Amino acid sequence: MSKYDCTKTLDYAHEYRRMCSSTCCDVCPLSVLDYCIMEGVTEEHIAILQKWSDEHPEEPKLTSKEVEDE
């Protein structure tokens, strides 16, 4: 299981996309802010997304070799 550091741009972008694809806008943790777009990210955006990321770890993905071995 990977832990992402949302202070890093690529990790933030990855987790932002993952959260948006799994969360309705009405209950999105970033909805408490005026906007949740990728531009103008503040430390508050990062903290909120990091908290969400820590609470929703990404499931490990099996490689094709691991799938064959099962």
C-alpha atoms as a PDB file:
ATOM      1  CA  MET A   1       0.000   0.000   0.000  1.00  0.00           C
ATOM      2  CA  SER A   2       1.439   3.357  -1.005  1.00  0.00           C
ATOM      3  CA  LYS A   3       1.238   6.382   1.229  1.00  0.00           C
ATOM      4  CA  TYR A   4       1.098   9.615  -0.682  1.00  0.00           C
ATOM      5  CA  ASP A   5       2.660  12.912   0.354  1.00  0.00           C
ATOM      6  CA  CYS A   6       0.206  15.535  -0.867  1.00  0.00           C
ATOM      7  CA  THR A   7       2.801  18.286  -0.487  1.00  0.00           C
ATOM      8  CA  LYS A   8       4.381  16.800  -3.628  1.00  0.00           C
ATOM      9  CA  THR A   9       2.699  17.957  -6.820  1.00  0.00           C
ATOM     10  CA  LEU A  10       2.369  14.538  -8.471  1.00  0.00           C
ATOM     11  CA  ASP A  11       1.071  12.914  -5.294  1.00  0.00           C
ATOM     12  CA  TYR A  12      -1.422  15.755  -4.805  1.00  0.00           C
ATOM     13  CA  ALA A  13      -2.654  15.425  -8.398  1.00  0.00           C
ATOM     14  CA  HIS A  14      -2.971  11.646  -8.091  1.00  0.00           C
ATOM     15  CA  GLU A  15      -4.918  11.776  -4.842  1.00  0.00           C
ATOM     16  CA  TYR A  16      -7.051  14.716  -6.045  1.00  0.00           C
ATOM     17  CA  ARG A  17      -8.155  12.674  -9.083  1.00  0.00           C
ATOM     18  CA  ARG A  18      -8.729   9.596  -6.942  1.00  0.00           C
ATOM     19  CA  MET A  19     -10.810  11.517  -4.413  1.00  0.00           C
ATOM     20  CA  CYS A  20     -12.866  13.249  -7.106  1.00  0.00           C
ATOM     21  CA  SER A  21     -13.621   9.959  -8.810  1.00  0.00           C
ATOM     22  CA  SER A  22     -14.829   8.374  -5.571  1.00  0.00           C
ATOM     23  CA  THR A  23     -16.581  11.269  -3.827  1.00  0.00           C
ATOM     24  CA  CYS A  24     -19.695  13.232  -4.719  1.00  0.00           C
ATOM     25  CA  CYS A  25     -19.075  17.001  -4.825  1.00  0.00           C
ATOM     26  CA  ASP A  26     -21.736  17.561  -2.151  1.00  0.00           C
ATOM     27  CA  VAL A  27     -19.736  15.586   0.415  1.00  0.00           C
ATOM     28  CA  CYS A  28     -16.255  16.317  -0.897  1.00  0.00           C
ATOM     29  CA  PRO A  29     -13.877  17.347   1.895  1.00  0.00           C
ATOM     30  CA  LEU A  30     -12.711  20.261  -0.256  1.00  0.00           C
ATOM     31  CA  SER A  31     -16.260  21.635  -0.510  1.00  0.00           C
ATOM     32  CA  VAL A  32     -15.646  23.610   2.693  1.00  0.00           C
ATOM     33  CA  LEU A  33     -13.328  25.835   0.648  1.00  0.00           C
ATOM     34  CA  ASP A  34     -14.472  28.304  -1.983  1.00  0.00           C
ATOM     35  CA  TYR A  35     -13.149  26.140  -4.794  1.00  0.00           C
ATOM     36  CA  CYS A  36     -11.530  22.770  -5.315  1.00  0.00           C
ATOM     37  CA  ILE A  37      -9.799  23.198  -8.665  1.00  0.00           C
ATOM     38  CA  MET A  38      -6.169  22.277  -9.235  1.00  0.00           C
ATOM     39  CA  GLU A  39      -5.057  25.911  -9.642  1.00  0.00           C
ATOM     40  CA  GLY A  40      -4.422  28.078  -6.618  1.00  0.00           C
ATOM     41  CA  VAL A  41      -3.871  25.196  -4.207  1.00  0.00           C
ATOM     42  CA  THR A  42      -3.315  26.423  -0.669  1.00  0.00           C
ATOM     43  CA  GLU A  43      -1.850  24.704   2.366  1.00  0.00           C
ATOM     44  CA  GLU A  44      -5.417  24.186   3.548  1.00  0.00           C
ATOM     45  CA  HIS A  45      -6.224  22.248   0.344  1.00  0.00           C
ATOM     46  CA  ILE A  46      -3.135  20.109   0.888  1.00  0.00           C
ATOM     47  CA  ALA A  47      -4.000  19.404   4.536  1.00  0.00           C
ATOM     48  CA  ILE A  48      -7.579  18.411   3.689  1.00  0.00           C
ATOM     49  CA  LEU A  49      -6.516  16.158   0.835  1.00  0.00           C
ATOM     50  CA  GLN A  50      -3.715  14.593   2.924  1.00  0.00           C
ATOM     51  CA  LYS A  51      -6.206  13.767   5.677  1.00  0.00           C
ATOM     52  CA  TRP A  52      -8.554  12.167   3.121  1.00  0.00           C
ATOM     53  CA  SER A  53      -5.655  10.256   1.546  1.00  0.00           C
ATOM     54  CA  ASP A  54      -4.518   8.911   4.917  1.00  0.00           C
ATOM     55  CA  GLU A  55      -8.069   7.816   5.763  1.00  0.00           C
ATOM     56  CA  HIS A  56      -8.630   6.161   2.344  1.00  0.00           C
ATOM     57  CA  PRO A  57      -5.474   4.232   1.461  1.00  0.00           C
ATOM     58  CA  GLU A  58      -5.263   3.046  -2.107  1.00  0.00           C
ATOM     59  CA  GLU A  59      -5.774  -0.671  -2.535  1.00  0.00           C
ATOM     60  CA  PRO A  60      -2.697  -2.461  -3.863  1.00  0.00           C
ATOM     61  CA  LYS A  61      -2.907  -3.503  -7.499  1.00  0.00           C
ATOM     62  CA  LEU A  62      -1.802  -6.971  -8.501  1.00  0.00           C
ATOM     63  CA  THR A  63       0.571  -7.381 -11.405  1.00  0.00           C
ATOM     64  CA  SER A  64      -0.449  -9.747 -14.206  1.00  0.00           C
ATOM     65  CA  LYS A  65       2.081 -12.263 -12.821  1.00  0.00           C
ATOM     66  CA  GLU A  66       0.509 -12.087  -9.362  1.00  0.00           C
ATOM     67  CA  VAL A  67      -2.959 -12.586 -10.873  1.00  0.00           C
ATOM     68  CA  GLU A  68      -1.737 -15.677 -12.749  1.00  0.00           C
ATOM     69  CA  ASP A  69      -0.228 -17.125  -9.548  1.00  0.00           C
ATOM     70  CA  GLU A  70      -3.526 -16.889  -7.655  1.00  0.00           C
END
